[in-house]
């Protein structure tokens, strides 16, 4: 995997962690908030995984 792809994952991961932490701290840990955090992670990271990791045949 290229360095630029790793940097993209790290930057988005840090942003996602900050936003997920904010949602859980301000809204409390409820089933709905956990669902929102997990859904956001799936929406963000699955397409990136499919594009950059799964098809990385270089």
PDB file of N, CA and C in Angstrom:
ATOM      1  N   UNK A   1       0.843  -1.165   0.000  1.00  0.00           N
ATOM      2  CA  UNK A   1       0.000   0.000   0.000  1.00  0.00           C
ATOM      3  C   UNK A   1       0.897   1.240   0.000  1.00  0.00           C
ATOM      4  N   UNK A   2       0.516   2.223  -0.778  1.00  0.00           N
ATOM      5  CA  UNK A   2       1.305   3.437  -0.895  1.00  0.00           C
ATOM      6  C   UNK A   2       1.192   4.285   0.367  1.00  0.00           C
ATOM      7  N   UNK A   3       2.191   5.107   0.562  1.00  0.00           N
ATOM      8  CA  UNK A   3       2.212   5.990   1.726  1.00  0.00           C
ATOM      9  C   UNK A   3       1.053   6.976   1.692  1.00  0.00           C
ATOM     10  N   UNK A   4       0.705   7.455   0.521  1.00  0.00           N
ATOM     11  CA  UNK A   4      -0.389   8.421   0.419  1.00  0.00           C
ATOM     12  C   UNK A   4      -1.713   7.807   0.845  1.00  0.00           C
ATOM     13  N   UNK A   5      -1.923   6.544   0.546  1.00  0.00           N
ATOM     14  CA  UNK A   5      -3.155   5.861   0.949  1.00  0.00           C
ATOM     15  C   UNK A   5      -3.186   5.690   2.469  1.00  0.00           C
ATOM     16  N   UNK A   6      -2.064   5.354   3.052  1.00  0.00           N
ATOM     17  CA  UNK A   6      -1.996   5.209   4.503  1.00  0.00           C
ATOM     18  C   UNK A   6      -2.283   6.543   5.182  1.00  0.00           C
ATOM     19  N   UNK A   7      -1.740   7.617   4.631  1.00  0.00           N
ATOM     20  CA  UNK A   7      -1.981   8.948   5.192  1.00  0.00           C
ATOM     21  C   UNK A   7      -3.460   9.299   5.102  1.00  0.00           C
ATOM     22  N   UNK A   8      -4.112   8.959   3.987  1.00  0.00           N
ATOM     23  CA  UNK A   8      -5.557   9.218   3.853  1.00  0.00           C
ATOM     24  C   UNK A   8      -6.350   8.474   4.906  1.00  0.00           C
ATOM     25  N   UNK A   9      -6.024   7.196   5.106  1.00  0.00           N
ATOM     26  CA  UNK A   9      -6.720   6.415   6.121  1.00  0.00           C
ATOM     27  C   UNK A   9      -6.512   7.014   7.511  1.00  0.00           C
ATOM     28  N   UNK A  10      -5.309   7.436   7.814  1.00  0.00           N
ATOM     29  CA  UNK A  10      -5.010   7.978   9.140  1.00  0.00           C
ATOM     30  C   UNK A  10      -5.750   9.289   9.361  1.00  0.00           C
ATOM     31  N   UNK A  11      -5.719  10.176   8.385  1.00  0.00           N
ATOM     32  CA  UNK A  11      -6.393  11.467   8.528  1.00  0.00           C
ATOM     33  C   UNK A  11      -7.893  11.269   8.709  1.00  0.00           C
ATOM     34  N   UNK A  12      -8.512  10.459   7.857  1.00  0.00           N
ATOM     35  CA  UNK A  12      -9.947  10.210   8.006  1.00  0.00           C
ATOM     36  C   UNK A  12     -10.256   9.483   9.300  1.00  0.00           C
ATOM     37  N   UNK A  13      -9.375   8.590   9.716  1.00  0.00           N
ATOM     38  CA  UNK A  13      -9.576   7.885  10.974  1.00  0.00           C
ATOM     39  C   UNK A  13      -9.560   8.823  12.170  1.00  0.00           C
ATOM     40  N   UNK A  14      -8.629   9.764  12.177  1.00  0.00           N
ATOM     41  CA  UNK A  14      -8.554  10.727  13.276  1.00  0.00           C
ATOM     42  C   UNK A  14      -9.789  11.622  13.294  1.00  0.00           C
ATOM     43  N   UNK A  15     -10.202  12.092  12.126  1.00  0.00           N
ATOM     44  CA  UNK A  15     -11.406  12.928  12.050  1.00  0.00           C
ATOM     45  C   UNK A  15     -12.627  12.134  12.508  1.00  0.00           C
ATOM     46  N   UNK A  16     -12.743  10.880  12.049  1.00  0.00           N
ATOM     47  CA  UNK A  16     -13.880  10.050  12.448  1.00  0.00           C
ATOM     48  C   UNK A  16     -13.874   9.798  13.952  1.00  0.00           C
ATOM     49  N   UNK A  17     -12.703   9.511  14.522  1.00  0.00           N
ATOM     50  CA  UNK A  17     -12.617   9.289  15.965  1.00  0.00           C
ATOM     51  C   UNK A  17     -13.042  10.527  16.752  1.00  0.00           C
ATOM     52  N   UNK A  18     -12.627  11.694  16.298  1.00  0.00           N
ATOM     53  CA  UNK A  18     -13.005  12.928  16.986  1.00  0.00           C
ATOM     54  C   UNK A  18     -14.514  13.142  16.927  1.00  0.00           C
ATOM     55  N   UNK A  19     -15.091  12.945  15.759  1.00  0.00           N
ATOM     56  CA  UNK A  19     -16.534  13.140  15.624  1.00  0.00           C
ATOM     57  C   UNK A  19     -17.327  12.070  16.366  1.00  0.00           C
ATOM     58  N   UNK A  20     -16.860  10.831  16.322  1.00  0.00           N
ATOM     59  CA  UNK A  20     -17.541   9.759  17.044  1.00  0.00           C
ATOM     60  C   UNK A  20     -17.448  10.001  18.548  1.00  0.00           C
ATOM     61  N   UNK A  21     -16.301  10.438  19.012  1.00  0.00           N
ATOM     62  CA  UNK A  21     -16.161  10.760  20.428  1.00  0.00           C
ATOM     63  C   UNK A  21     -17.088  11.886  20.850  1.00  0.00           C
ATOM     64  N   UNK A  22     -17.204  12.896  19.998  1.00  0.00           N
ATOM     65  CA  UNK A  22     -18.097  14.013  20.289  1.00  0.00           C
ATOM     66  C   UNK A  22     -19.541  13.548  20.377  1.00  0.00           C
ATOM     67  N   UNK A  23     -19.956  12.715  19.445  1.00  0.00           N
ATOM     68  CA  UNK A  23     -21.336  12.205  19.459  1.00  0.00           C
ATOM     69  C   UNK A  23     -21.595  11.410  20.729  1.00  0.00           C
ATOM     70  N   UNK A  24     -20.665  10.565  21.106  1.00  0.00           N
ATOM     71  CA  UNK A  24     -20.874   9.709  22.276  1.00  0.00           C
ATOM     72  C   UNK A  24     -20.783  10.488  23.588  1.00  0.00           C
ATOM     73  N   UNK A  25     -19.923  11.502  23.651  1.00  0.00           N
ATOM     74  CA  UNK A  25     -19.799  12.275  24.889  1.00  0.00           C
ATOM     75  C   UNK A  25     -20.998  13.199  25.078  1.00  0.00           C
ATOM     76  N   UNK A  26     -21.373  13.902  24.026  1.00  0.00           N
ATOM     77  CA  UNK A  26     -22.467  14.865  24.156  1.00  0.00           C
ATOM     78  C   UNK A  26     -23.842  14.199  24.174  1.00  0.00           C
ATOM     79  N   UNK A  27     -23.994  13.125  23.422  1.00  0.00           N
ATOM     80  CA  UNK A  27     -25.296  12.482  23.345  1.00  0.00           C
ATOM     81  C   UNK A  27     -25.448  11.295  24.272  1.00  0.00           C
ATOM     82  N   UNK A  28     -24.364  10.873  24.885  1.00  0.00           N
ATOM     83  CA  UNK A  28     -24.420   9.698  25.744  1.00  0.00           C
ATOM     84  C   UNK A  28     -24.286   8.431  24.908  1.00  0.00           C
ATOM     85  N   UNK A  29     -23.969   7.354  25.594  1.00  0.00           N
ATOM     86  CA  UNK A  29     -23.807   6.073  24.914  1.00  0.00           C
ATOM     87  C   UNK A  29     -25.162   5.381  24.901  1.00  0.00           C
ATOM     88  N   UNK A  30     -25.866   5.550  23.794  1.00  0.00           N
ATOM     89  CA  UNK A  30     -27.154   4.892  23.607  1.00  0.00           C
ATOM     90  C   UNK A  30     -27.049   3.988  22.387  1.00  0.00           C
ATOM     91  N   UNK A  31     -28.010   3.129  22.234  1.00  0.00           N
ATOM     92  CA  UNK A  31     -28.007   2.226  21.090  1.00  0.00           C
ATOM     93  C   UNK A  31     -28.066   3.012  19.779  1.00  0.00           C
ATOM     94  N   UNK A  32     -28.868   4.074  19.768  1.00  0.00           N
ATOM     95  CA  UNK A  32     -28.972   4.897  18.568  1.00  0.00           C
ATOM     96  C   UNK A  32     -27.634   5.562  18.226  1.00  0.00           C
ATOM     97  N   UNK A  33     -26.968   6.127  19.222  1.00  0.00           N
ATOM     98  CA  UNK A  33     -25.683   6.787  18.968  1.00  0.00           C
ATOM     99  C   UNK A  33     -24.619   5.794  18.530  1.00  0.00           C
ATOM    100  N   UNK A  34     -24.628   4.610  19.106  1.00  0.00           N
ATOM    101  CA  UNK A  34     -23.692   3.576  18.659  1.00  0.00           C
ATOM    102  C   UNK A  34     -23.967   3.179  17.219  1.00  0.00           C
ATOM    103  N   UNK A  35     -25.240   3.081  16.858  1.00  0.00           N
ATOM    104  CA  UNK A  35     -25.603   2.780  15.470  1.00  0.00           C
ATOM    105  C   UNK A  35     -25.098   3.861  14.526  1.00  0.00           C
ATOM    106  N   UNK A  36     -25.260   5.116  14.907  1.00  0.00           N
ATOM    107  CA  UNK A  36     -24.798   6.233  14.063  1.00  0.00           C
ATOM    108  C   UNK A  36     -23.287   6.185  13.874  1.00  0.00           C
ATOM    109  N   UNK A  37     -22.551   5.902  14.936  1.00  0.00           N
ATOM    110  CA  UNK A  37     -21.090   5.842  14.865  1.00  0.00           C
ATOM    111  C   UNK A  37     -20.643   4.687  13.967  1.00  0.00           C
ATOM    112  N   UNK A  38     -21.246   3.524  14.133  1.00  0.00           N
ATOM    113  CA  UNK A  38     -20.872   2.359  13.317  1.00  0.00           C
ATOM    114  C   UNK A  38     -21.261   2.584  11.854  1.00  0.00           C
ATOM    115  N   UNK A  39     -22.443   3.141  11.618  1.00  0.00           N
ATOM    116  CA  UNK A  39     -22.876   3.410  10.244  1.00  0.00           C
ATOM    117  C   UNK A  39     -21.943   4.413   9.571  1.00  0.00           C
ATOM    118  N   UNK A  40     -21.517   5.422  10.297  1.00  0.00           N
ATOM    119  CA  UNK A  40     -20.582   6.405   9.738  1.00  0.00           C
ATOM    120  C   UNK A  40     -19.256   5.748   9.382  1.00  0.00           C
ATOM    121  N   UNK A  41     -18.792   4.858  10.237  1.00  0.00           N
ATOM    122  CA  UNK A  41     -17.538   4.163   9.945  1.00  0.00           C
ATOM    123  C   UNK A  41     -17.667   3.306   8.691  1.00  0.00           C
ATOM    124  N   UNK A  42     -18.783   2.621   8.554  1.00  0.00           N
ATOM    125  CA  UNK A  42     -18.999   1.783   7.366  1.00  0.00           C
ATOM    126  C   UNK A  42     -19.057   2.644   6.112  1.00  0.00           C
ATOM    127  N   UNK A  43     -19.768   3.755   6.190  1.00  0.00           N
ATOM    128  CA  UNK A  43     -19.908   4.639   5.033  1.00  0.00           C
ATOM    129  C   UNK A  43     -18.557   5.230   4.633  1.00  0.00           C
ATOM    130  N   UNK A  44     -17.708   5.510   5.594  1.00  0.00           N
ATOM    131  CA  UNK A  44     -16.417   6.133   5.301  1.00  0.00           C
ATOM    132  C   UNK A  44     -15.375   5.115   4.864  1.00  0.00           C
ATOM    133  N   UNK A  45     -15.242   4.015   5.608  1.00  0.00           N
ATOM    134  CA  UNK A  45     -14.072   3.151   5.422  1.00  0.00           C
ATOM    135  C   UNK A  45     -14.272   1.993   4.441  1.00  0.00           C
ATOM    136  N   UNK A  46     -15.467   1.494   4.255  1.00  0.00           N
ATOM    137  CA  UNK A  46     -15.666   0.367   3.337  1.00  0.00           C
ATOM    138  C   UNK A  46     -15.362   0.756   1.885  1.00  0.00           C
ATOM    139  N   UNK A  47     -15.878   1.871   1.382  1.00  0.00           N
ATOM    140  CA  UNK A  47     -15.511   2.235   0.004  1.00  0.00           C
ATOM    141  C   UNK A  47     -14.018   2.480  -0.179  1.00  0.00           C
ATOM    142  N   UNK A  48     -13.379   3.090   0.829  1.00  0.00           N
ATOM    143  CA  UNK A  48     -11.937   3.302   0.728  1.00  0.00           C
ATOM    144  C   UNK A  48     -11.193   1.975   0.727  1.00  0.00           C
ATOM    145  N   UNK A  49     -11.632   1.041   1.553  1.00  0.00           N
ATOM    146  CA  UNK A  49     -10.997  -0.281   1.591  1.00  0.00           C
ATOM    147  C   UNK A  49     -11.127  -0.967   0.238  1.00  0.00           C
ATOM    148  N   UNK A  50     -12.326  -0.917  -0.330  1.00  0.00           N
ATOM    149  CA  UNK A  50     -12.549  -1.565  -1.625  1.00  0.00           C
ATOM    150  C   UNK A  50     -11.713  -0.918  -2.718  1.00  0.00           C
ATOM    151  N   UNK A  51     -11.553   0.394  -2.672  1.00  0.00           N
ATOM    152  CA  UNK A  51     -10.826   1.082  -3.731  1.00  0.00           C
ATOM    153  C   UNK A  51      -9.306   0.924  -3.586  1.00  0.00           C
ATOM    154  N   UNK A  52      -8.788   1.076  -2.381  1.00  0.00           N
ATOM    155  CA  UNK A  52      -7.350   1.166  -2.218  1.00  0.00           C
ATOM    156  C   UNK A  52      -6.693  -0.116  -1.739  1.00  0.00           C
ATOM    157  N   UNK A  53      -7.373  -0.935  -0.955  1.00  0.00           N
ATOM    158  CA  UNK A  53      -6.732  -2.122  -0.375  1.00  0.00           C
ATOM    159  C   UNK A  53      -7.086  -3.364  -1.144  1.00  0.00           C
ATOM    160  N   UNK A  54      -8.348  -3.592  -1.402  1.00  0.00           N
ATOM    161  CA  UNK A  54      -8.780  -4.826  -2.062  1.00  0.00           C
ATOM    162  C   UNK A  54      -8.264  -4.911  -3.488  1.00  0.00           C
ATOM    163  N   UNK A  55      -8.255  -3.798  -4.205  1.00  0.00           N
ATOM    164  CA  UNK A  55      -7.817  -3.813  -5.597  1.00  0.00           C
ATOM    165  C   UNK A  55      -6.342  -3.443  -5.754  1.00  0.00           C
ATOM    166  N   UNK A  56      -5.577  -3.509  -4.671  1.00  0.00           N
ATOM    167  CA  UNK A  56      -4.160  -3.145  -4.723  1.00  0.00           C
ATOM    168  C   UNK A  56      -3.351  -4.354  -5.177  1.00  0.00           C
ATOM    169  N   UNK A  57      -3.166  -4.479  -6.483  1.00  0.00           N
ATOM    170  CA  UNK A  57      -2.428  -5.611  -7.063  1.00  0.00           C
ATOM    171  C   UNK A  57      -1.024  -5.217  -7.492  1.00  0.00           C
ATOM    172  N   UNK A  58      -0.614  -3.969  -7.153  1.00  0.00           N
ATOM    173  CA  UNK A  58       0.706  -3.486  -7.593  1.00  0.00           C
ATOM    174  C   UNK A  58       1.821  -4.168  -6.890  1.00  0.00           C
TER     175      UNK A  58
END
